[in-house]
Amino acid sequence: MSEKERKEFFKERAGTDDARYHVVPFDEEWAVKEEGKDEPEYTTDSKDEAIEKAIELAEENDTIAYVHSSSGEIEEQYDYETK
């Protein structure tokens, strides 16, 4: 999947039941971002706080929270999807 296709895929999921939350490095902080949206839902200087917020949002929205490392790889995932 090209970068352009990937961005379009996530943009289409934004605001839907399929959108997930990602804890990602953001400037010199950590952010919780919903797939497909440019602006973070939440920012903090603490990765642990960002993880807590992402888990809270994922639970509320019956979706998944992904935690990325400082280099961008997925380290953990918390799945709250209901089937």
PDB file of N, CA and C in Angstrom:
ATOM      1  N   MET A   1       0.860  -1.178   0.000  1.00  0.00           N
ATOM      2  CA  MET A   1       0.000   0.000   0.000  1.00  0.00           C
ATOM      3  C   MET A   1       0.902   1.236   0.000  1.00  0.00           C
ATOM      4  N   SER A   2       0.655   2.123  -0.936  1.00  0.00           N
ATOM      5  CA  SER A   2       1.446   3.347  -1.008  1.00  0.00           C
ATOM      6  C   SER A   2       1.077   4.288   0.142  1.00  0.00           C
ATOM      7  N   GLU A   3       1.920   5.278   0.379  1.00  0.00           N
ATOM      8  CA  GLU A   3       1.656   6.271   1.431  1.00  0.00           C
ATOM      9  C   GLU A   3       0.339   6.993   1.151  1.00  0.00           C
ATOM     10  N   LYS A   4       0.094   7.330  -0.103  1.00  0.00           N
ATOM     11  CA  LYS A   4      -1.149   8.015  -0.480  1.00  0.00           C
ATOM     12  C   LYS A   4      -2.364   7.127  -0.209  1.00  0.00           C
ATOM     13  N   GLU A   5      -2.284   5.854  -0.567  1.00  0.00           N
ATOM     14  CA  GLU A   5      -3.384   4.915  -0.320  1.00  0.00           C
ATOM     15  C   GLU A   5      -3.618   4.731   1.172  1.00  0.00           C
ATOM     16  N   ARG A   6      -2.510   4.655   1.943  1.00  0.00           N
ATOM     17  CA  ARG A   6      -2.624   4.493   3.392  1.00  0.00           C
ATOM     18  C   ARG A   6      -3.338   5.685   4.014  1.00  0.00           C
ATOM     19  N   LYS A   7      -2.955   6.893   3.616  1.00  0.00           N
ATOM     20  CA  LYS A   7      -3.594   8.095   4.158  1.00  0.00           C
ATOM     21  C   LYS A   7      -5.077   8.127   3.804  1.00  0.00           C
ATOM     22  N   GLU A   8      -5.423   7.751   2.582  1.00  0.00           N
ATOM     23  CA  GLU A   8      -6.824   7.737   2.156  1.00  0.00           C
ATOM     24  C   GLU A   8      -7.620   6.693   2.948  1.00  0.00           C
ATOM     25  N   PHE A   9      -7.016   5.532   3.179  1.00  0.00           N
ATOM     26  CA  PHE A   9      -7.657   4.471   3.948  1.00  0.00           C
ATOM     27  C   PHE A   9      -8.017   4.968   5.348  1.00  0.00           C
ATOM     28  N   PHE A  10      -7.048   5.605   6.029  1.00  0.00           N
ATOM     29  CA  PHE A  10      -7.293   6.103   7.378  1.00  0.00           C
ATOM     30  C   PHE A  10      -8.263   7.274   7.374  1.00  0.00           C
ATOM     31  N   LYS A  11      -8.195   8.118   6.367  1.00  0.00           N
ATOM     32  CA  LYS A  11      -9.117   9.249   6.269  1.00  0.00           C
ATOM     33  C   LYS A  11     -10.559   8.760   6.151  1.00  0.00           C
ATOM     34  N   GLU A  12     -10.770   7.699   5.380  1.00  0.00           N
ATOM     35  CA  GLU A  12     -12.110   7.146   5.208  1.00  0.00           C
ATOM     36  C   GLU A  12     -12.642   6.547   6.510  1.00  0.00           C
ATOM     37  N   ARG A  13     -11.763   6.056   7.382  1.00  0.00           N
ATOM     38  CA  ARG A  13     -12.177   5.456   8.648  1.00  0.00           C
ATOM     39  C   ARG A  13     -12.424   6.485   9.742  1.00  0.00           C
ATOM     40  N   ALA A  14     -11.909   7.687   9.580  1.00  0.00           N
ATOM     41  CA  ALA A  14     -12.052   8.724  10.611  1.00  0.00           C
ATOM     42  C   ALA A  14     -13.508   8.971  10.922  1.00  0.00           C
ATOM     43  N   GLY A  15     -13.812   8.999  12.209  1.00  0.00           N
ATOM     44  CA  GLY A  15     -15.170   9.291  12.647  1.00  0.00           C
ATOM     45  C   GLY A  15     -16.142   8.134  12.493  1.00  0.00           C
ATOM     46  N   THR A  16     -15.650   6.968  12.059  1.00  0.00           N
ATOM     47  CA  THR A  16     -16.507   5.794  11.911  1.00  0.00           C
ATOM     48  C   THR A  16     -16.228   4.816  13.043  1.00  0.00           C
ATOM     49  N   ASP A  17     -17.006   3.757  13.099  1.00  0.00           N
ATOM     50  CA  ASP A  17     -16.785   2.719  14.106  1.00  0.00           C
ATOM     51  C   ASP A  17     -15.475   1.974  13.882  1.00  0.00           C
ATOM     52  N   ASP A  18     -14.889   2.111  12.697  1.00  0.00           N
ATOM     53  CA  ASP A  18     -13.637   1.421  12.398  1.00  0.00           C
ATOM     54  C   ASP A  18     -12.400   2.225  12.786  1.00  0.00           C
ATOM     55  N   ALA A  19     -12.568   3.481  13.170  1.00  0.00           N
ATOM     56  CA  ALA A  19     -11.415   4.314  13.515  1.00  0.00           C
ATOM     57  C   ALA A  19     -10.779   3.821  14.804  1.00  0.00           C
ATOM     58  N   ARG A  20      -9.465   3.760  14.807  1.00  0.00           N
ATOM     59  CA  ARG A  20      -8.710   3.358  15.988  1.00  0.00           C
ATOM     60  C   ARG A  20      -7.951   4.557  16.543  1.00  0.00           C
ATOM     61  N   TYR A  21      -7.449   4.398  17.761  1.00  0.00           N
ATOM     62  CA  TYR A  21      -6.651   5.438  18.406  1.00  0.00           C
ATOM     63  C   TYR A  21      -5.204   4.975  18.487  1.00  0.00           C
ATOM     64  N   HIS A  22      -4.297   5.908  18.245  1.00  0.00           N
ATOM     65  CA  HIS A  22      -2.869   5.606  18.247  1.00  0.00           C
ATOM     66  C   HIS A  22      -2.148   6.552  19.200  1.00  0.00           C
ATOM     67  N   VAL A  23      -1.287   5.982  20.039  1.00  0.00           N
ATOM     68  CA  VAL A  23      -0.378   6.777  20.872  1.00  0.00           C
ATOM     69  C   VAL A  23       0.905   6.905  20.068  1.00  0.00           C
ATOM     70  N   VAL A  24       1.250   8.138  19.727  1.00  0.00           N
ATOM     71  CA  VAL A  24       2.394   8.391  18.845  1.00  0.00           C
ATOM     72  C   VAL A  24       3.235   9.552  19.361  1.00  0.00           C
ATOM     73  N   PRO A  25       4.535   9.551  19.013  1.00  0.00           N
ATOM     74  CA  PRO A  25       5.350  10.723  19.339  1.00  0.00           C
ATOM     75  C   PRO A  25       4.835  11.923  18.558  1.00  0.00           C
ATOM     76  N   PHE A  26       4.838  13.085  19.207  1.00  0.00           N
ATOM     77  CA  PHE A  26       4.290  14.293  18.587  1.00  0.00           C
ATOM     78  C   PHE A  26       5.115  15.476  19.058  1.00  0.00           C
ATOM     79  N   ASP A  27       5.911  16.040  18.158  1.00  0.00           N
ATOM     80  CA  ASP A  27       6.871  17.068  18.532  1.00  0.00           C
ATOM     81  C   ASP A  27       7.734  16.512  19.662  1.00  0.00           C
ATOM     82  N   GLU A  28       7.744  17.138  20.801  1.00  0.00           N
ATOM     83  CA  GLU A  28       8.516  16.592  21.924  1.00  0.00           C
ATOM     84  C   GLU A  28       7.593  16.035  22.997  1.00  0.00           C
ATOM     85  N   GLU A  29       6.378  15.691  22.601  1.00  0.00           N
ATOM     86  CA  GLU A  29       5.380  15.136  23.518  1.00  0.00           C
ATOM     87  C   GLU A  29       4.882  13.803  22.959  1.00  0.00           C
ATOM     88  N   TRP A  30       3.801  13.320  23.574  1.00  0.00           N
ATOM     89  CA  TRP A  30       3.082  12.142  23.093  1.00  0.00           C
ATOM     90  C   TRP A  30       1.656  12.573  22.790  1.00  0.00           C
ATOM     91  N   ALA A  31       1.090  11.987  21.760  1.00  0.00           N
ATOM     92  CA  ALA A  31      -0.262  12.350  21.351  1.00  0.00           C
ATOM     93  C   ALA A  31      -1.112  11.098  21.190  1.00  0.00           C
ATOM     94  N   VAL A  32      -2.416  11.298  21.377  1.00  0.00           N
ATOM     95  CA  VAL A  32      -3.405  10.290  21.028  1.00  0.00           C
ATOM     96  C   VAL A  32      -4.107  10.828  19.788  1.00  0.00           C
ATOM     97  N   LYS A  33      -3.989  10.068  18.704  1.00  0.00           N
ATOM     98  CA  LYS A  33      -4.589  10.501  17.443  1.00  0.00           C
ATOM     99  C   LYS A  33      -5.604   9.461  16.976  1.00  0.00           C
ATOM    100  N   GLU A  34      -6.727   9.952  16.488  1.00  0.00           N
ATOM    101  CA  GLU A  34      -7.702   9.073  15.863  1.00  0.00           C
ATOM    102  C   GLU A  34      -7.312   8.922  14.399  1.00  0.00           C
ATOM    103  N   GLU A  35      -7.396   7.710  13.892  1.00  0.00           N
ATOM    104  CA  GLU A  35      -7.047   7.467  12.499  1.00  0.00           C
ATOM    105  C   GLU A  35      -7.790   8.416  11.577  1.00  0.00           C
ATOM    106  N   GLY A  36      -7.055   8.958  10.627  1.00  0.00           N
ATOM    107  CA  GLY A  36      -7.646   9.810   9.608  1.00  0.00           C
ATOM    108  C   GLY A  36      -7.753  11.272   9.973  1.00  0.00           C
ATOM    109  N   LYS A  37      -7.462  11.612  11.206  1.00  0.00           N
ATOM    110  CA  LYS A  37      -7.534  13.011  11.632  1.00  0.00           C
ATOM    111  C   LYS A  37      -6.134  13.564  11.818  1.00  0.00           C
ATOM    112  N   ASP A  38      -5.951  14.803  11.389  1.00  0.00           N
ATOM    113  CA  ASP A  38      -4.637  15.423  11.494  1.00  0.00           C
ATOM    114  C   ASP A  38      -4.321  15.895  12.907  1.00  0.00           C
ATOM    115  N   GLU A  39      -5.317  16.439  13.575  1.00  0.00           N
ATOM    116  CA  GLU A  39      -5.105  16.999  14.917  1.00  0.00           C
ATOM    117  C   GLU A  39      -5.267  15.920  15.987  1.00  0.00           C
ATOM    118  N   PRO A  40      -4.396  15.915  16.986  1.00  0.00           N
ATOM    119  CA  PRO A  40      -4.508  14.940  18.073  1.00  0.00           C
ATOM    120  C   PRO A  40      -5.753  15.169  18.929  1.00  0.00           C
ATOM    121  N   GLU A  41      -6.241  14.092  19.499  1.00  0.00           N
ATOM    122  CA  GLU A  41      -7.334  14.161  20.470  1.00  0.00           C
ATOM    123  C   GLU A  41      -6.805  14.653  21.821  1.00  0.00           C
ATOM    124  N   TYR A  42      -5.527  14.367  22.073  1.00  0.00           N
ATOM    125  CA  TYR A  42      -4.945  14.631  23.398  1.00  0.00           C
ATOM    126  C   TYR A  42      -3.429  14.666  23.249  1.00  0.00           C
ATOM    127  N   THR A  43      -2.766  15.562  23.965  1.00  0.00           N
ATOM    128  CA  THR A  43      -1.303  15.580  24.006  1.00  0.00           C
ATOM    129  C   THR A  43      -0.834  15.708  25.452  1.00  0.00           C
ATOM    130  N   THR A  44       0.342  15.162  25.716  1.00  0.00           N
ATOM    131  CA  THR A  44       0.923  15.190  27.048  1.00  0.00           C
ATOM    132  C   THR A  44       2.423  14.926  26.931  1.00  0.00           C
ATOM    133  N   ASP A  45       3.168  15.263  27.969  1.00  0.00           N
ATOM    134  CA  ASP A  45       4.594  14.944  27.951  1.00  0.00           C
ATOM    135  C   ASP A  45       4.865  13.542  28.498  1.00  0.00           C
ATOM    136  N   SER A  46       3.804  12.846  28.922  1.00  0.00           N
ATOM    137  CA  SER A  46       3.942  11.513  29.505  1.00  0.00           C
ATOM    138  C   SER A  46       3.330  10.446  28.584  1.00  0.00           C
ATOM    139  N   LYS A  47       4.152   9.501  28.178  1.00  0.00           N
ATOM    140  CA  LYS A  47       3.638   8.398  27.346  1.00  0.00           C
ATOM    141  C   LYS A  47       2.589   7.600  28.110  1.00  0.00           C
ATOM    142  N   ASP A  48       2.815   7.380  29.407  1.00  0.00           N
ATOM    143  CA  ASP A  48       1.857   6.628  30.219  1.00  0.00           C
ATOM    144  C   ASP A  48       0.487   7.306  30.251  1.00  0.00           C
ATOM    145  N   GLU A  49       0.473   8.635  30.378  1.00  0.00           N
ATOM    146  CA  GLU A  49      -0.805   9.368  30.368  1.00  0.00           C
ATOM    147  C   GLU A  49      -1.490   9.244  29.011  1.00  0.00           C
ATOM    148  N   ALA A  50      -0.706   9.301  27.946  1.00  0.00           N
ATOM    149  CA  ALA A  50      -1.272   9.157  26.603  1.00  0.00           C
ATOM    150  C   ALA A  50      -1.870   7.765  26.427  1.00  0.00           C
ATOM    151  N   ILE A  51      -1.198   6.750  26.948  1.00  0.00           N
ATOM    152  CA  ILE A  51      -1.718   5.385  26.863  1.00  0.00           C
ATOM    153  C   ILE A  51      -3.041   5.277  27.622  1.00  0.00           C
ATOM    154  N   GLU A  52      -3.100   5.833  28.830  1.00  0.00           N
ATOM    155  CA  GLU A  52      -4.336   5.806  29.615  1.00  0.00           C
ATOM    156  C   GLU A  52      -5.484   6.455  28.852  1.00  0.00           C
ATOM    157  N   LYS A  53      -5.229   7.596  28.220  1.00  0.00           N
ATOM    158  CA  LYS A  53      -6.262   8.305  27.470  1.00  0.00           C
ATOM    159  C   LYS A  53      -6.697   7.503  26.247  1.00  0.00           C
ATOM    160  N   ALA A  54      -5.750   6.908  25.542  1.00  0.00           N
ATOM    161  CA  ALA A  54      -6.083   6.099  24.367  1.00  0.00           C
ATOM    162  C   ALA A  54      -6.929   4.890  24.754  1.00  0.00           C
ATOM    163  N   ILE A  55      -6.590   4.258  25.860  1.00  0.00           N
ATOM    164  CA  ILE A  55      -7.368   3.114  26.341  1.00  0.00           C
ATOM    165  C   ILE A  55      -8.782   3.564  26.698  1.00  0.00           C
ATOM    166  N   GLU A  56      -8.897   4.681  27.385  1.00  0.00           N
ATOM    167  CA  GLU A  56     -10.215   5.229  27.749  1.00  0.00           C
ATOM    168  C   GLU A  56     -11.063   5.480  26.493  1.00  0.00           C
ATOM    169  N   LEU A  57     -10.479   6.128  25.497  1.00  0.00           N
ATOM    170  CA  LEU A  57     -11.208   6.417  24.254  1.00  0.00           C
ATOM    171  C   LEU A  57     -11.582   5.132  23.516  1.00  0.00           C
ATOM    172  N   ALA A  58     -10.664   4.166  23.477  1.00  0.00           N
ATOM    173  CA  ALA A  58     -10.935   2.897  22.804  1.00  0.00           C
ATOM    174  C   ALA A  58     -12.070   2.143  23.493  1.00  0.00           C
ATOM    175  N   GLU A  59     -12.063   2.136  24.829  1.00  0.00           N
ATOM    176  CA  GLU A  59     -13.141   1.474  25.574  1.00  0.00           C
ATOM    177  C   GLU A  59     -14.483   2.143  25.304  1.00  0.00           C
ATOM    178  N   GLU A  60     -14.504   3.468  25.348  1.00  0.00           N
ATOM    179  CA  GLU A  60     -15.748   4.213  25.130  1.00  0.00           C
ATOM    180  C   GLU A  60     -16.315   3.999  23.730  1.00  0.00           C
ATOM    181  N   ASN A  61     -15.431   3.778  22.755  1.00  0.00           N
ATOM    182  CA  ASN A  61     -15.841   3.694  21.361  1.00  0.00           C
ATOM    183  C   ASN A  61     -15.777   2.274  20.787  1.00  0.00           C
ATOM    184  N   ASP A  62     -15.587   1.283  21.660  1.00  0.00           N
ATOM    185  CA  ASP A  62     -15.534  -0.121  21.232  1.00  0.00           C
ATOM    186  C   ASP A  62     -14.577  -0.329  20.054  1.00  0.00           C
ATOM    187  N   THR A  63     -13.358   0.107  20.239  1.00  0.00           N
ATOM    188  CA  THR A  63     -12.372   0.001  19.164  1.00  0.00           C
ATOM    189  C   THR A  63     -11.023  -0.419  19.732  1.00  0.00           C
ATOM    190  N   ILE A  64      -9.951  -0.128  19.035  1.00  0.00           N
ATOM    191  CA  ILE A  64      -8.608  -0.564  19.413  1.00  0.00           C
ATOM    192  C   ILE A  64      -7.710   0.650  19.657  1.00  0.00           C
ATOM    193  N   ALA A  65      -6.834   0.518  20.654  1.00  0.00           N
ATOM    194  CA  ALA A  65      -5.793   1.515  20.904  1.00  0.00           C
ATOM    195  C   ALA A  65      -4.448   0.865  20.591  1.00  0.00           C
ATOM    196  N   TYR A  66      -3.659   1.534  19.772  1.00  0.00           N
ATOM    197  CA  TYR A  66      -2.312   1.078  19.437  1.00  0.00           C
ATOM    198  C   TYR A  66      -1.305   2.004  20.094  1.00  0.00           C
ATOM    199  N   VAL A  67      -0.245   1.422  20.655  1.00  0.00           N
ATOM    200  CA  VAL A  67       0.825   2.199  21.269  1.00  0.00           C
ATOM    201  C   VAL A  67       2.072   2.024  20.408  1.00  0.00           C
ATOM    202  N   HIS A  68       2.601   3.148  19.942  1.00  0.00           N
ATOM    203  CA  HIS A  68       3.792   3.140  19.099  1.00  0.00           C
ATOM    204  C   HIS A  68       5.022   3.516  19.914  1.00  0.00           C
ATOM    205  N   SER A  69       6.166   3.030  19.469  1.00  0.00           N
ATOM    206  CA  SER A  69       7.441   3.411  20.082  1.00  0.00           C
ATOM    207  C   SER A  69       7.832   4.798  19.576  1.00  0.00           C
ATOM    208  N   SER A  70       8.900   5.333  20.120  1.00  0.00           N
ATOM    209  CA  SER A  70       9.359   6.648  19.680  1.00  0.00           C
ATOM    210  C   SER A  70       9.821   6.633  18.222  1.00  0.00           C
ATOM    211  N   SER A  71      10.125   5.452  17.690  1.00  0.00           N
ATOM    212  CA  SER A  71      10.520   5.352  16.278  1.00  0.00           C
ATOM    213  C   SER A  71       9.347   4.980  15.371  1.00  0.00           C
ATOM    214  N   GLY A  72       8.155   4.773  15.968  1.00  0.00           N
ATOM    215  CA  GLY A  72       6.954   4.570  15.164  1.00  0.00           C
ATOM    216  C   GLY A  72       6.414   3.157  15.086  1.00  0.00           C
ATOM    217  N   GLU A  73       7.175   2.156  15.528  1.00  0.00           N
ATOM    218  CA  GLU A  73       6.675   0.781  15.472  1.00  0.00           C
ATOM    219  C   GLU A  73       5.602   0.547  16.532  1.00  0.00           C
ATOM    220  N   ILE A  74       4.641  -0.322  16.219  1.00  0.00           N
ATOM    221  CA  ILE A  74       3.609  -0.668  17.197  1.00  0.00           C
ATOM    222  C   ILE A  74       4.217  -1.571  18.256  1.00  0.00           C
ATOM    223  N   GLU A  75       4.058  -1.159  19.529  1.00  0.00           N
ATOM    224  CA  GLU A  75       4.589  -1.921  20.666  1.00  0.00           C
ATOM    225  C   GLU A  75       3.506  -2.755  21.346  1.00  0.00           C
ATOM    226  N   GLU A  76       2.324  -2.170  21.458  1.00  0.00           N
ATOM    227  CA  GLU A  76       1.221  -2.827  22.172  1.00  0.00           C
ATOM    228  C   GLU A  76      -0.089  -2.482  21.496  1.00  0.00           C
ATOM    229  N   GLN A  77      -1.098  -3.308  21.764  1.00  0.00           N
ATOM    230  CA  GLN A  77      -2.441  -2.963  21.326  1.00  0.00           C
ATOM    231  C   GLN A  77      -3.429  -3.398  22.391  1.00  0.00           C
ATOM    232  N   TYR A  78      -4.483  -2.601  22.545  1.00  0.00           N
ATOM    233  CA  TYR A  78      -5.554  -2.862  23.503  1.00  0.00           C
ATOM    234  C   TYR A  78      -6.845  -2.924  22.702  1.00  0.00           C
ATOM    235  N   ASP A  79      -7.457  -4.088  22.677  1.00  0.00           N
ATOM    236  CA  ASP A  79      -8.614  -4.328  21.817  1.00  0.00           C
ATOM    237  C   ASP A  79      -9.893  -4.316  22.642  1.00  0.00           C
ATOM    238  N   TYR A  80     -10.769  -3.354  22.358  1.00  0.00           N
ATOM    239  CA  TYR A  80     -12.056  -3.238  23.029  1.00  0.00           C
ATOM    240  C   TYR A  80     -13.210  -3.322  22.035  1.00  0.00           C
ATOM    241  N   GLU A  81     -12.945  -3.907  20.866  1.00  0.00           N
ATOM    242  CA  GLU A  81     -14.001  -4.074  19.860  1.00  0.00           C
ATOM    243  C   GLU A  81     -15.017  -5.078  20.369  1.00  0.00           C
ATOM    244  N   THR A  82     -16.274  -4.790  20.124  1.00  0.00           N
ATOM    245  CA  THR A  82     -17.317  -5.771  20.420  1.00  0.00           C
ATOM    246  C   THR A  82     -17.803  -6.324  19.107  1.00  0.00           C
ATOM    247  N   LYS A  83     -17.920  -7.586  19.053  1.00  0.00           N
ATOM    248  CA  LYS A  83     -18.319  -8.258  17.802  1.00  0.00           C
ATOM    249  C   LYS A  83     -19.808  -8.469  17.770  1.00  0.00           C
TER     250      LYS A  83
END
